[in-house]
Amino acid sequence: MTWTSASFESILAMMVAALFAIAGVVNLARPAAVKRDFARWGYPTWFQLLCGALELLSAALLLGQQTRVWGLALAGAIMIGALFTLLRNREPFGHLAPALIFSALIVITVVARLS
């Protein structure tokens, strides 16, 4: 099997899809700690459910080759909002690190897609 940029991009997209699917399920499950975070950040109760639904939609879009660009765009928009929220609320690095990793994976996937 030959290693190509297309297969590398697909592997990265599947990793991002898996991470967003997990994040979406966690937000939809609404564990107490995550509920407290959303409340502390000043978001209404329904916003956590919206985030979870958008994360799952992003994961689903990332799975298809024809819809991947939309999944990457949605994932990028979600992460911009997440980073803004974390920085605005001066969250500790432990909260910020996963968001930075997710964001970096999205950017690397986009770069791999363009090459």
PDB file of N, CA and C in Angstrom:
ATOM      1  N   MET A   1       0.837  -1.183   0.000  1.00  0.00           N
ATOM      2  CA  MET A   1       0.000   0.000   0.000  1.00  0.00           C
ATOM      3  C   MET A   1       0.881   1.245   0.000  1.00  0.00           C
ATOM      4  N   THR A   2       0.569   2.160  -0.853  1.00  0.00           N
ATOM      5  CA  THR A   2       1.335   3.388  -0.976  1.00  0.00           C
ATOM      6  C   THR A   2       0.761   4.445  -0.055  1.00  0.00           C
ATOM      7  N   TRP A   3       1.643   5.128   0.639  1.00  0.00           N
ATOM      8  CA  TRP A   3       1.240   6.221   1.530  1.00  0.00           C
ATOM      9  C   TRP A   3       1.032   7.470   0.685  1.00  0.00           C
ATOM     10  N   THR A   4      -0.165   8.049   0.745  1.00  0.00           N
ATOM     11  CA  THR A   4      -0.457   9.248  -0.026  1.00  0.00           C
ATOM     12  C   THR A   4      -0.969  10.325   0.899  1.00  0.00           C
ATOM     13  N   SER A   5      -0.952  11.562   0.401  1.00  0.00           N
ATOM     14  CA  SER A   5      -1.494  12.667   1.206  1.00  0.00           C
ATOM     15  C   SER A   5      -2.989  12.490   1.407  1.00  0.00           C
ATOM     16  N   ALA A   6      -3.678  11.846   0.450  1.00  0.00           N
ATOM     17  CA  ALA A   6      -5.117  11.605   0.596  1.00  0.00           C
ATOM     18  C   ALA A   6      -5.393  10.647   1.744  1.00  0.00           C
ATOM     19  N   SER A   7      -4.583   9.584   1.882  1.00  0.00           N
ATOM     20  CA  SER A   7      -4.804   8.649   2.985  1.00  0.00           C
ATOM     21  C   SER A   7      -4.444   9.299   4.317  1.00  0.00           C
ATOM     22  N   PHE A   8      -3.403  10.116   4.351  1.00  0.00           N
ATOM     23  CA  PHE A   8      -3.021  10.839   5.568  1.00  0.00           C
ATOM     24  C   PHE A   8      -4.147  11.779   5.977  1.00  0.00           C
ATOM     25  N   GLU A   9      -4.709  12.478   5.006  1.00  0.00           N
ATOM     26  CA  GLU A   9      -5.814  13.402   5.281  1.00  0.00           C
ATOM     27  C   GLU A   9      -7.032  12.643   5.791  1.00  0.00           C
ATOM     28  N   SER A  10      -7.309  11.481   5.224  1.00  0.00           N
ATOM     29  CA  SER A  10      -8.446  10.679   5.664  1.00  0.00           C
ATOM     30  C   SER A  10      -8.254  10.173   7.088  1.00  0.00           C
ATOM     31  N   ILE A  11      -7.051   9.757   7.411  1.00  0.00           N
ATOM     32  CA  ILE A  11      -6.755   9.294   8.777  1.00  0.00           C
ATOM     33  C   ILE A  11      -6.949  10.441   9.763  1.00  0.00           C
ATOM     34  N   LEU A  12      -6.414  11.609   9.427  1.00  0.00           N
ATOM     35  CA  LEU A  12      -6.580  12.774  10.304  1.00  0.00           C
ATOM     36  C   LEU A  12      -8.051  13.139  10.461  1.00  0.00           C
ATOM     37  N   ALA A  13      -8.794  13.118   9.361  1.00  0.00           N
ATOM     38  CA  ALA A  13     -10.218  13.452   9.415  1.00  0.00           C
ATOM     39  C   ALA A  13     -10.972  12.465  10.293  1.00  0.00           C
ATOM     40  N   MET A  14     -10.624  11.189  10.245  1.00  0.00           N
ATOM     41  CA  MET A  14     -11.283  10.188  11.087  1.00  0.00           C
ATOM     42  C   MET A  14     -10.951  10.417  12.561  1.00  0.00           C
ATOM     43  N   MET A  15      -9.710  10.831  12.835  1.00  0.00           N
ATOM     44  CA  MET A  15      -9.328  11.146  14.220  1.00  0.00           C
ATOM     45  C   MET A  15     -10.135  12.333  14.745  1.00  0.00           C
ATOM     46  N   VAL A  16     -10.240  13.373  13.934  1.00  0.00           N
ATOM     47  CA  VAL A  16     -11.004  14.557  14.328  1.00  0.00           C
ATOM     48  C   VAL A  16     -12.478  14.186  14.501  1.00  0.00           C
ATOM     49  N   ALA A  17     -12.999  13.362  13.587  1.00  0.00           N
ATOM     50  CA  ALA A  17     -14.393  12.933  13.686  1.00  0.00           C
ATOM     51  C   ALA A  17     -14.629  12.165  14.987  1.00  0.00           C
ATOM     52  N   ALA A  18     -13.719  11.279  15.334  1.00  0.00           N
ATOM     53  CA  ALA A  18     -13.860  10.512  16.580  1.00  0.00           C
ATOM     54  C   ALA A  18     -13.847  11.432  17.798  1.00  0.00           C
ATOM     55  N   LEU A  19     -12.929  12.392  17.810  1.00  0.00           N
ATOM     56  CA  LEU A  19     -12.853  13.327  18.937  1.00  0.00           C
ATOM     57  C   LEU A  19     -14.117  14.174  19.053  1.00  0.00           C
ATOM     58  N   PHE A  20     -14.626  14.627  17.923  1.00  0.00           N
ATOM     59  CA  PHE A  20     -15.848  15.443  17.957  1.00  0.00           C
ATOM     60  C   PHE A  20     -17.065  14.596  18.322  1.00  0.00           C
ATOM     61  N   ALA A  21     -17.088  13.338  17.900  1.00  0.00           N
ATOM     62  CA  ALA A  21     -18.192  12.453  18.281  1.00  0.00           C
ATOM     63  C   ALA A  21     -18.193  12.240  19.801  1.00  0.00           C
ATOM     64  N   ILE A  22     -17.019  12.011  20.362  1.00  0.00           N
ATOM     65  CA  ILE A  22     -16.919  11.832  21.821  1.00  0.00           C
ATOM     66  C   ILE A  22     -17.347  13.108  22.537  1.00  0.00           C
ATOM     67  N   ALA A  23     -16.852  14.247  22.075  1.00  0.00           N
ATOM     68  CA  ALA A  23     -17.217  15.526  22.699  1.00  0.00           C
ATOM     69  C   ALA A  23     -18.720  15.766  22.600  1.00  0.00           C
ATOM     70  N   GLY A  24     -19.300  15.432  21.454  1.00  0.00           N
ATOM     71  CA  GLY A  24     -20.735  15.609  21.266  1.00  0.00           C
ATOM     72  C   GLY A  24     -21.550  14.744  22.213  1.00  0.00           C
ATOM     73  N   VAL A  25     -21.149  13.488  22.354  1.00  0.00           N
ATOM     74  CA  VAL A  25     -21.853  12.580  23.264  1.00  0.00           C
ATOM     75  C   VAL A  25     -21.737  13.075  24.707  1.00  0.00           C
ATOM     76  N   VAL A  26     -20.558  13.538  25.093  1.00  0.00           N
ATOM     77  CA  VAL A  26     -20.379  14.061  26.447  1.00  0.00           C
ATOM     78  C   VAL A  26     -21.292  15.260  26.673  1.00  0.00           C
ATOM     79  N   ASN A  27     -21.328  16.192  25.731  1.00  0.00           N
ATOM     80  CA  ASN A  27     -22.190  17.363  25.904  1.00  0.00           C
ATOM     81  C   ASN A  27     -23.664  16.985  25.942  1.00  0.00           C
ATOM     82  N   LEU A  28     -24.076  16.035  25.145  1.00  0.00           N
ATOM     83  CA  LEU A  28     -25.479  15.619  25.149  1.00  0.00           C
ATOM     84  C   LEU A  28     -25.831  14.830  26.416  1.00  0.00           C
ATOM     85  N   ALA A  29     -24.855  14.128  26.988  1.00  0.00           N
ATOM     86  CA  ALA A  29     -25.078  13.387  28.226  1.00  0.00           C
ATOM     87  C   ALA A  29     -25.179  14.329  29.436  1.00  0.00           C
ATOM     88  N   ARG A  30     -24.616  15.507  29.306  1.00  0.00           N
ATOM     89  CA  ARG A  30     -24.689  16.566  30.314  1.00  0.00           C
ATOM     90  C   ARG A  30     -24.196  16.149  31.703  1.00  0.00           C
ATOM     91  N   PRO A  31     -22.958  15.653  31.820  1.00  0.00           N
ATOM     92  CA  PRO A  31     -22.449  15.344  33.157  1.00  0.00           C
ATOM     93  C   PRO A  31     -22.383  16.621  34.004  1.00  0.00           C
ATOM     94  N   ALA A  32     -22.485  16.444  35.301  1.00  0.00           N
ATOM     95  CA  ALA A  32     -22.569  17.584  36.223  1.00  0.00           C
ATOM     96  C   ALA A  32     -21.406  18.561  36.060  1.00  0.00           C
ATOM     97  N   ALA A  33     -20.194  18.053  35.918  1.00  0.00           N
ATOM     98  CA  ALA A  33     -19.027  18.940  35.804  1.00  0.00           C
ATOM     99  C   ALA A  33     -19.117  19.821  34.562  1.00  0.00           C
ATOM    100  N   VAL A  34     -19.580  19.249  33.453  1.00  0.00           N
ATOM    101  CA  VAL A  34     -19.680  20.013  32.211  1.00  0.00           C
ATOM    102  C   VAL A  34     -20.832  21.012  32.306  1.00  0.00           C
ATOM    103  N   LYS A  35     -21.928  20.605  32.939  1.00  0.00           N
ATOM    104  CA  LYS A  35     -23.048  21.539  33.164  1.00  0.00           C
ATOM    105  C   LYS A  35     -22.579  22.749  33.964  1.00  0.00           C
ATOM    106  N   ARG A  36     -21.777  22.490  34.995  1.00  0.00           N
ATOM    107  CA  ARG A  36     -21.252  23.595  35.824  1.00  0.00           C
ATOM    108  C   ARG A  36     -20.361  24.515  35.006  1.00  0.00           C
ATOM    109  N   ASP A  37     -19.546  23.931  34.125  1.00  0.00           N
ATOM    110  CA  ASP A  37     -18.672  24.749  33.275  1.00  0.00           C
ATOM    111  C   ASP A  37     -19.507  25.685  32.401  1.00  0.00           C
ATOM    112  N   PHE A  38     -20.505  25.150  31.717  1.00  0.00           N
ATOM    113  CA  PHE A  38     -21.338  25.983  30.837  1.00  0.00           C
ATOM    114  C   PHE A  38     -22.050  27.079  31.633  1.00  0.00           C
ATOM    115  N   ALA A  39     -22.518  26.735  32.832  1.00  0.00           N
ATOM    116  CA  ALA A  39     -23.187  27.737  33.681  1.00  0.00           C
ATOM    117  C   ALA A  39     -22.181  28.806  34.123  1.00  0.00           C
ATOM    118  N   ARG A  40     -20.981  28.380  34.497  1.00  0.00           N
ATOM    119  CA  ARG A  40     -19.951  29.331  34.930  1.00  0.00           C
ATOM    120  C   ARG A  40     -19.561  30.287  33.801  1.00  0.00           C
ATOM    121  N   TRP A  41     -19.612  29.778  32.576  1.00  0.00           N
ATOM    122  CA  TRP A  41     -19.255  30.609  31.424  1.00  0.00           C
ATOM    123  C   TRP A  41     -20.399  31.518  30.996  1.00  0.00           C
ATOM    124  N   GLY A  42     -21.560  31.361  31.634  1.00  0.00           N
ATOM    125  CA  GLY A  42     -22.690  32.241  31.361  1.00  0.00           C
ATOM    126  C   GLY A  42     -23.595  31.810  30.228  1.00  0.00           C
ATOM    127  N   TYR A  43     -23.503  30.550  29.808  1.00  0.00           N
ATOM    128  CA  TYR A  43     -24.340  30.071  28.718  1.00  0.00           C
ATOM    129  C   TYR A  43     -25.653  29.511  29.257  1.00  0.00           C
ATOM    130  N   PRO A  44     -26.738  29.640  28.488  1.00  0.00           N
ATOM    131  CA  PRO A  44     -28.019  29.053  28.916  1.00  0.00           C
ATOM    132  C   PRO A  44     -27.943  27.527  28.860  1.00  0.00           C
ATOM    133  N   THR A  45     -28.850  26.879  29.550  1.00  0.00           N
ATOM    134  CA  THR A  45     -28.858  25.419  29.655  1.00  0.00           C
ATOM    135  C   THR A  45     -28.875  24.737  28.287  1.00  0.00           C
ATOM    136  N   TRP A  46     -29.669  25.257  27.364  1.00  0.00           N
ATOM    137  CA  TRP A  46     -29.824  24.617  26.053  1.00  0.00           C
ATOM    138  C   TRP A  46     -28.558  24.692  25.206  1.00  0.00           C
ATOM    139  N   PHE A  47     -27.646  25.605  25.534  1.00  0.00           N
ATOM    140  CA  PHE A  47     -26.470  25.809  24.697  1.00  0.00           C
ATOM    141  C   PHE A  47     -25.559  24.580  24.693  1.00  0.00           C
ATOM    142  N   GLN A  48     -25.492  23.881  25.819  1.00  0.00           N
ATOM    143  CA  GLN A  48     -24.679  22.664  25.878  1.00  0.00           C
ATOM    144  C   GLN A  48     -25.228  21.603  24.919  1.00  0.00           C
ATOM    145  N   LEU A  49     -26.548  21.517  24.831  1.00  0.00           N
ATOM    146  CA  LEU A  49     -27.168  20.557  23.906  1.00  0.00           C
ATOM    147  C   LEU A  49     -26.906  20.948  22.459  1.00  0.00           C
ATOM    148  N   LEU A  50     -26.962  22.246  22.170  1.00  0.00           N
ATOM    149  CA  LEU A  50     -26.651  22.732  20.830  1.00  0.00           C
ATOM    150  C   LEU A  50     -25.209  22.387  20.466  1.00  0.00           C
ATOM    151  N   CYS A  51     -24.296  22.632  21.393  1.00  0.00           N
ATOM    152  CA  CYS A  51     -22.880  22.312  21.141  1.00  0.00           C
ATOM    153  C   CYS A  51     -22.708  20.829  20.846  1.00  0.00           C
ATOM    154  N   GLY A  52     -23.342  19.986  21.651  1.00  0.00           N
ATOM    155  CA  GLY A  52     -23.250  18.542  21.440  1.00  0.00           C
ATOM    156  C   GLY A  52     -23.786  18.131  20.077  1.00  0.00           C
ATOM    157  N   ALA A  53     -24.924  18.696  19.692  1.00  0.00           N
ATOM    158  CA  ALA A  53     -25.519  18.373  18.394  1.00  0.00           C
ATOM    159  C   ALA A  53     -24.615  18.832  17.248  1.00  0.00           C
ATOM    160  N   LEU A  54     -24.049  20.019  17.368  1.00  0.00           N
ATOM    161  CA  LEU A  54     -23.153  20.532  16.314  1.00  0.00           C
ATOM    162  C   LEU A  54     -21.870  19.707  16.235  1.00  0.00           C
ATOM    163  N   GLU A  55     -21.364  19.264  17.380  1.00  0.00           N
ATOM    164  CA  GLU A  55     -20.166  18.419  17.377  1.00  0.00           C
ATOM    165  C   GLU A  55     -20.445  17.089  16.687  1.00  0.00           C
ATOM    166  N   LEU A  56     -21.614  16.501  16.963  1.00  0.00           N
ATOM    167  CA  LEU A  56     -21.967  15.246  16.285  1.00  0.00           C
ATOM    168  C   LEU A  56     -22.175  15.456  14.788  1.00  0.00           C
ATOM    169  N   LEU A  57     -22.793  16.575  14.417  1.00  0.00           N
ATOM    170  CA  LEU A  57     -22.975  16.886  13.001  1.00  0.00           C
ATOM    171  C   LEU A  57     -21.617  17.047  12.318  1.00  0.00           C
ATOM    172  N   SER A  58     -20.707  17.733  12.966  1.00  0.00           N
ATOM    173  CA  SER A  58     -19.370  17.905  12.415  1.00  0.00           C
ATOM    174  C   SER A  58     -18.697  16.545  12.221  1.00  0.00           C
ATOM    175  N   ALA A  59     -18.794  15.680  13.218  1.00  0.00           N
ATOM    176  CA  ALA A  59     -18.201  14.344  13.118  1.00  0.00           C
ATOM    177  C   ALA A  59     -18.790  13.581  11.928  1.00  0.00           C
ATOM    178  N   ALA A  60     -20.101  13.648  11.762  1.00  0.00           N
ATOM    179  CA  ALA A  60     -20.758  12.946  10.659  1.00  0.00           C
ATOM    180  C   ALA A  60     -20.309  13.502   9.309  1.00  0.00           C
ATOM    181  N   LEU A  61     -20.209  14.816   9.210  1.00  0.00           N
ATOM    182  CA  LEU A  61     -19.774  15.436   7.950  1.00  0.00           C
ATOM    183  C   LEU A  61     -18.328  15.080   7.616  1.00  0.00           C
ATOM    184  N   LEU A  62     -17.503  14.912   8.628  1.00  0.00           N
ATOM    185  CA  LEU A  62     -16.101  14.578   8.407  1.00  0.00           C
ATOM    186  C   LEU A  62     -15.918  13.173   7.828  1.00  0.00           C
ATOM    187  N   LEU A  63     -16.896  12.315   8.026  1.00  0.00           N
ATOM    188  CA  LEU A  63     -16.769  10.930   7.556  1.00  0.00           C
ATOM    189  C   LEU A  63     -16.869  10.806   6.044  1.00  0.00           C
ATOM    190  N   GLY A  64     -17.616  11.677   5.404  1.00  0.00           N
ATOM    191  CA  GLY A  64     -17.782  11.600   3.952  1.00  0.00           C
ATOM    192  C   GLY A  64     -16.762  12.453   3.220  1.00  0.00           C
ATOM    193  N   GLN A  65     -16.206  11.903   2.154  1.00  0.00           N
ATOM    194  CA  GLN A  65     -15.221  12.652   1.367  1.00  0.00           C
ATOM    195  C   GLN A  65     -15.834  13.928   0.780  1.00  0.00           C
ATOM    196  N   GLN A  66     -17.086  13.839   0.307  1.00  0.00           N
ATOM    197  CA  GLN A  66     -17.733  14.997  -0.310  1.00  0.00           C
ATOM    198  C   GLN A  66     -18.187  16.034   0.713  1.00  0.00           C
ATOM    199  N   THR A  67     -18.409  15.634   1.949  1.00  0.00           N
ATOM    200  CA  THR A  67     -18.891  16.569   2.984  1.00  0.00           C
ATOM    201  C   THR A  67     -17.793  16.984   3.951  1.00  0.00           C
ATOM    202  N   ARG A  68     -16.608  16.455   3.765  1.00  0.00           N
ATOM    203  CA  ARG A  68     -15.521  16.696   4.723  1.00  0.00           C
ATOM    204  C   ARG A  68     -15.191  18.177   4.884  1.00  0.00           C
ATOM    205  N   VAL A  69     -15.203  18.925   3.792  1.00  0.00           N
ATOM    206  CA  VAL A  69     -14.877  20.345   3.882  1.00  0.00           C
ATOM    207  C   VAL A  69     -15.877  21.065   4.793  1.00  0.00           C
ATOM    208  N   TRP A  70     -17.168  20.669   4.725  1.00  0.00           N
ATOM    209  CA  TRP A  70     -18.182  21.267   5.600  1.00  0.00           C
ATOM    210  C   TRP A  70     -17.945  20.854   7.050  1.00  0.00           C
ATOM    211  N   GLY A  71     -17.544  19.599   7.263  1.00  0.00           N
ATOM    212  CA  GLY A  71     -17.228  19.131   8.609  1.00  0.00           C
ATOM    213  C   GLY A  71     -16.047  19.867   9.209  1.00  0.00           C
ATOM    214  N   LEU A  72     -15.033  20.108   8.376  1.00  0.00           N
ATOM    215  CA  LEU A  72     -13.860  20.854   8.853  1.00  0.00           C
ATOM    216  C   LEU A  72     -14.221  22.303   9.164  1.00  0.00           C
ATOM    217  N   ALA A  73     -15.052  22.901   8.317  1.00  0.00           N
ATOM    218  CA  ALA A  73     -15.472  24.288   8.562  1.00  0.00           C
ATOM    219  C   ALA A  73     -16.278  24.389   9.857  1.00  0.00           C
ATOM    220  N   LEU A  74     -17.206  23.461  10.054  1.00  0.00           N
ATOM    221  CA  LEU A  74     -18.013  23.479  11.275  1.00  0.00           C
ATOM    222  C   LEU A  74     -17.145  23.201  12.495  1.00  0.00           C
ATOM    223  N   ALA A  75     -16.252  22.231  12.391  1.00  0.00           N
ATOM    224  CA  ALA A  75     -15.348  21.928  13.510  1.00  0.00           C
ATOM    225  C   ALA A  75     -14.484  23.141  13.843  1.00  0.00           C
ATOM    226  N   GLY A  76     -13.985  23.815  12.817  1.00  0.00           N
ATOM    227  CA  GLY A  76     -13.184  25.018  13.039  1.00  0.00           C
ATOM    228  C   GLY A  76     -13.974  26.112  13.730  1.00  0.00           C
ATOM    229  N   ALA A  77     -15.220  26.311  13.306  1.00  0.00           N
ATOM    230  CA  ALA A  77     -16.069  27.329  13.930  1.00  0.00           C
ATOM    231  C   ALA A  77     -16.351  26.976  15.394  1.00  0.00           C
ATOM    232  N   ILE A  78     -16.603  25.703  15.657  1.00  0.00           N
ATOM    233  CA  ILE A  78     -16.835  25.260  17.035  1.00  0.00           C
ATOM    234  C   ILE A  78     -15.610  25.548  17.888  1.00  0.00           C
ATOM    235  N   MET A  79     -14.438  25.247  17.354  1.00  0.00           N
ATOM    236  CA  MET A  79     -13.215  25.444  18.139  1.00  0.00           C
ATOM    237  C   MET A  79     -12.890  26.923  18.337  1.00  0.00           C
ATOM    238  N   ILE A  80     -13.213  27.762  17.375  1.00  0.00           N
ATOM    239  CA  ILE A  80     -13.029  29.207  17.577  1.00  0.00           C
ATOM    240  C   ILE A  80     -13.888  29.664  18.747  1.00  0.00           C
ATOM    241  N   GLY A  81     -15.143  29.206  18.777  1.00  0.00           N
ATOM    242  CA  GLY A  81     -16.021  29.550  19.897  1.00  0.00           C
ATOM    243  C   GLY A  81     -15.516  29.002  21.220  1.00  0.00           C
ATOM    244  N   ALA A  82     -15.040  27.767  21.205  1.00  0.00           N
ATOM    245  CA  ALA A  82     -14.532  27.153  22.435  1.00  0.00           C
ATOM    246  C   ALA A  82     -13.291  27.893  22.938  1.00  0.00           C
ATOM    247  N   LEU A  83     -12.356  28.183  22.039  1.00  0.00           N
ATOM    248  CA  LEU A  83     -11.138  28.905  22.453  1.00  0.00           C
ATOM    249  C   LEU A  83     -11.475  30.295  22.968  1.00  0.00           C
ATOM    250  N   PHE A  84     -12.391  30.972  22.302  1.00  0.00           N
ATOM    251  CA  PHE A  84     -12.823  32.296  22.757  1.00  0.00           C
ATOM    252  C   PHE A  84     -13.394  32.200  24.171  1.00  0.00           C
ATOM    253  N   THR A  85     -14.257  31.229  24.398  1.00  0.00           N
ATOM    254  CA  THR A  85     -14.867  31.048  25.720  1.00  0.00           C
ATOM    255  C   THR A  85     -13.806  30.768  26.775  1.00  0.00           C
ATOM    256  N   LEU A  86     -12.883  29.872  26.485  1.00  0.00           N
ATOM    257  CA  LEU A  86     -11.861  29.494  27.461  1.00  0.00           C
ATOM    258  C   LEU A  86     -10.923  30.654  27.768  1.00  0.00           C
ATOM    259  N   LEU A  87     -10.528  31.393  26.742  1.00  0.00           N
ATOM    260  CA  LEU A  87      -9.624  32.526  26.966  1.00  0.00           C
ATOM    261  C   LEU A  87     -10.336  33.675  27.672  1.00  0.00           C
ATOM    262  N   ARG A  88     -11.576  33.944  27.269  1.00  0.00           N
ATOM    263  CA  ARG A  88     -12.351  35.024  27.890  1.00  0.00           C
ATOM    264  C   ARG A  88     -12.559  34.764  29.382  1.00  0.00           C
ATOM    265  N   ASN A  89     -12.721  33.506  29.744  1.00  0.00           N
ATOM    266  CA  ASN A  89     -12.954  33.141  31.142  1.00  0.00           C
ATOM    267  C   ASN A  89     -11.680  32.765  31.883  1.00  0.00           C
ATOM    268  N   ARG A  90     -10.553  32.959  31.227  1.00  0.00           N
ATOM    269  CA  ARG A  90      -9.236  32.712  31.829  1.00  0.00           C
ATOM    270  C   ARG A  90      -9.142  31.328  32.466  1.00  0.00           C
ATOM    271  N   GLU A  91      -9.598  30.349  31.687  1.00  0.00           N
ATOM    272  CA  GLU A  91      -9.549  28.968  32.158  1.00  0.00           C
ATOM    273  C   GLU A  91      -8.096  28.511  32.257  1.00  0.00           C
ATOM    274  N   PRO A  92      -7.808  27.606  33.186  1.00  0.00           N
ATOM    275  CA  PRO A  92      -6.432  27.104  33.320  1.00  0.00           C
ATOM    276  C   PRO A  92      -6.019  26.286  32.097  1.00  0.00           C
ATOM    277  N   PHE A  93      -4.732  26.083  31.958  1.00  0.00           N
ATOM    278  CA  PHE A  93      -4.193  25.401  30.789  1.00  0.00           C
ATOM    279  C   PHE A  93      -4.773  23.996  30.637  1.00  0.00           C
ATOM    280  N   GLY A  94      -5.125  23.349  31.724  1.00  0.00           N
ATOM    281  CA  GLY A  94      -5.714  22.011  31.663  1.00  0.00           C
ATOM    282  C   GLY A  94      -7.016  21.989  30.874  1.00  0.00           C
ATOM    283  N   HIS A  95      -7.758  23.071  30.894  1.00  0.00           N
ATOM    284  CA  HIS A  95      -8.979  23.190  30.103  1.00  0.00           C
ATOM    285  C   HIS A  95      -8.644  23.614  28.671  1.00  0.00           C
ATOM    286  N   LEU A  96      -7.631  24.424  28.531  1.00  0.00           N
ATOM    287  CA  LEU A  96      -7.261  24.988  27.237  1.00  0.00           C
ATOM    288  C   LEU A  96      -6.522  23.982  26.351  1.00  0.00           C
ATOM    289  N   ALA A  97      -5.724  23.108  26.946  1.00  0.00           N
ATOM    290  CA  ALA A  97      -4.886  22.177  26.179  1.00  0.00           C
ATOM    291  C   ALA A  97      -5.686  21.298  25.216  1.00  0.00           C
ATOM    292  N   PRO A  98      -6.775  20.649  25.656  1.00  0.00           N
ATOM    293  CA  PRO A  98      -7.523  19.829  24.688  1.00  0.00           C
ATOM    294  C   PRO A  98      -8.077  20.656  23.524  1.00  0.00           C
ATOM    295  N   ALA A  99      -8.535  21.858  23.794  1.00  0.00           N
ATOM    296  CA  ALA A  99      -9.060  22.721  22.731  1.00  0.00           C
ATOM    297  C   ALA A  99      -7.953  23.078  21.736  1.00  0.00           C
ATOM    298  N   LEU A 100      -6.761  23.306  22.231  1.00  0.00           N
ATOM    299  CA  LEU A 100      -5.633  23.608  21.345  1.00  0.00           C
ATOM    300  C   LEU A 100      -5.253  22.390  20.499  1.00  0.00           C
ATOM    301  N   ILE A 101      -5.315  21.201  21.094  1.00  0.00           N
ATOM    302  CA  ILE A 101      -5.005  19.968  20.359  1.00  0.00           C
ATOM    303  C   ILE A 101      -6.053  19.727  19.271  1.00  0.00           C
ATOM    304  N   PHE A 102      -7.346  19.862  19.619  1.00  0.00           N
ATOM    305  CA  PHE A 102      -8.408  19.718  18.626  1.00  0.00           C
ATOM    306  C   PHE A 102      -8.190  20.700  17.479  1.00  0.00           C
ATOM    307  N   SER A 103      -7.894  21.950  17.831  1.00  0.00           N
ATOM    308  CA  SER A 103      -7.703  22.997  16.817  1.00  0.00           C
ATOM    309  C   SER A 103      -6.515  22.678  15.916  1.00  0.00           C
ATOM    310  N   ALA A 104      -5.426  22.228  16.517  1.00  0.00           N
ATOM    311  CA  ALA A 104      -4.237  21.883  15.732  1.00  0.00           C
ATOM    312  C   ALA A 104      -4.537  20.731  14.776  1.00  0.00           C
ATOM    313  N   LEU A 105      -5.281  19.734  15.228  1.00  0.00           N
ATOM    314  CA  LEU A 105      -5.638  18.612  14.351  1.00  0.00           C
ATOM    315  C   LEU A 105      -6.507  19.068  13.181  1.00  0.00           C
ATOM    316  N   ILE A 106      -7.399  20.002  13.442  1.00  0.00           N
ATOM    317  CA  ILE A 106      -8.235  20.535  12.354  1.00  0.00           C
ATOM    318  C   ILE A 106      -7.356  21.250  11.329  1.00  0.00           C
ATOM    319  N   VAL A 107      -6.464  22.114  11.804  1.00  0.00           N
ATOM    320  CA  VAL A 107      -5.592  22.864  10.900  1.00  0.00           C
ATOM    321  C   VAL A 107      -4.703  21.894  10.092  1.00  0.00           C
ATOM    322  N   ILE A 108      -4.140  20.891  10.737  1.00  0.00           N
ATOM    323  CA  ILE A 108      -3.291  19.930  10.028  1.00  0.00           C
ATOM    324  C   ILE A 108      -4.110  19.168   8.977  1.00  0.00           C
ATOM    325  N   THR A 109      -5.343  18.832   9.314  1.00  0.00           N
ATOM    326  CA  THR A 109      -6.213  18.127   8.351  1.00  0.00           C
ATOM    327  C   THR A 109      -6.512  19.006   7.153  1.00  0.00           C
ATOM    328  N   VAL A 110      -6.779  20.271   7.397  1.00  0.00           N
ATOM    329  CA  VAL A 110      -7.039  21.203   6.286  1.00  0.00           C
ATOM    330  C   VAL A 110      -5.805  21.331   5.403  1.00  0.00           C
ATOM    331  N   VAL A 111      -4.640  21.464   6.010  1.00  0.00           N
ATOM    332  CA  VAL A 111      -3.394  21.580   5.239  1.00  0.00           C
ATOM    333  C   VAL A 111      -3.164  20.302   4.427  1.00  0.00           C
ATOM    334  N   ALA A 112      -3.400  19.136   5.028  1.00  0.00           N
ATOM    335  CA  ALA A 112      -3.222  17.863   4.307  1.00  0.00           C
ATOM    336  C   ALA A 112      -4.212  17.777   3.149  1.00  0.00           C
ATOM    337  N   ARG A 113      -5.412  18.277   3.357  1.00  0.00           N
ATOM    338  CA  ARG A 113      -6.437  18.244   2.291  1.00  0.00           C
ATOM    339  C   ARG A 113      -6.022  19.120   1.122  1.00  0.00           C
ATOM    340  N   LEU A 114      -5.380  20.254   1.410  1.00  0.00           N
ATOM    341  CA  LEU A 114      -4.982  21.194   0.359  1.00  0.00           C
ATOM    342  C   LEU A 114      -3.737  20.755  -0.391  1.00  0.00           C
ATOM    343  N   SER A 115      -2.979  19.815   0.196  1.00  0.00           N
ATOM    344  CA  SER A 115      -1.729  19.420  -0.472  1.00  0.00           C
ATOM    345  C   SER A 115      -1.885  18.222  -1.365  1.00  0.00           C
TER     346      SER A 115
END
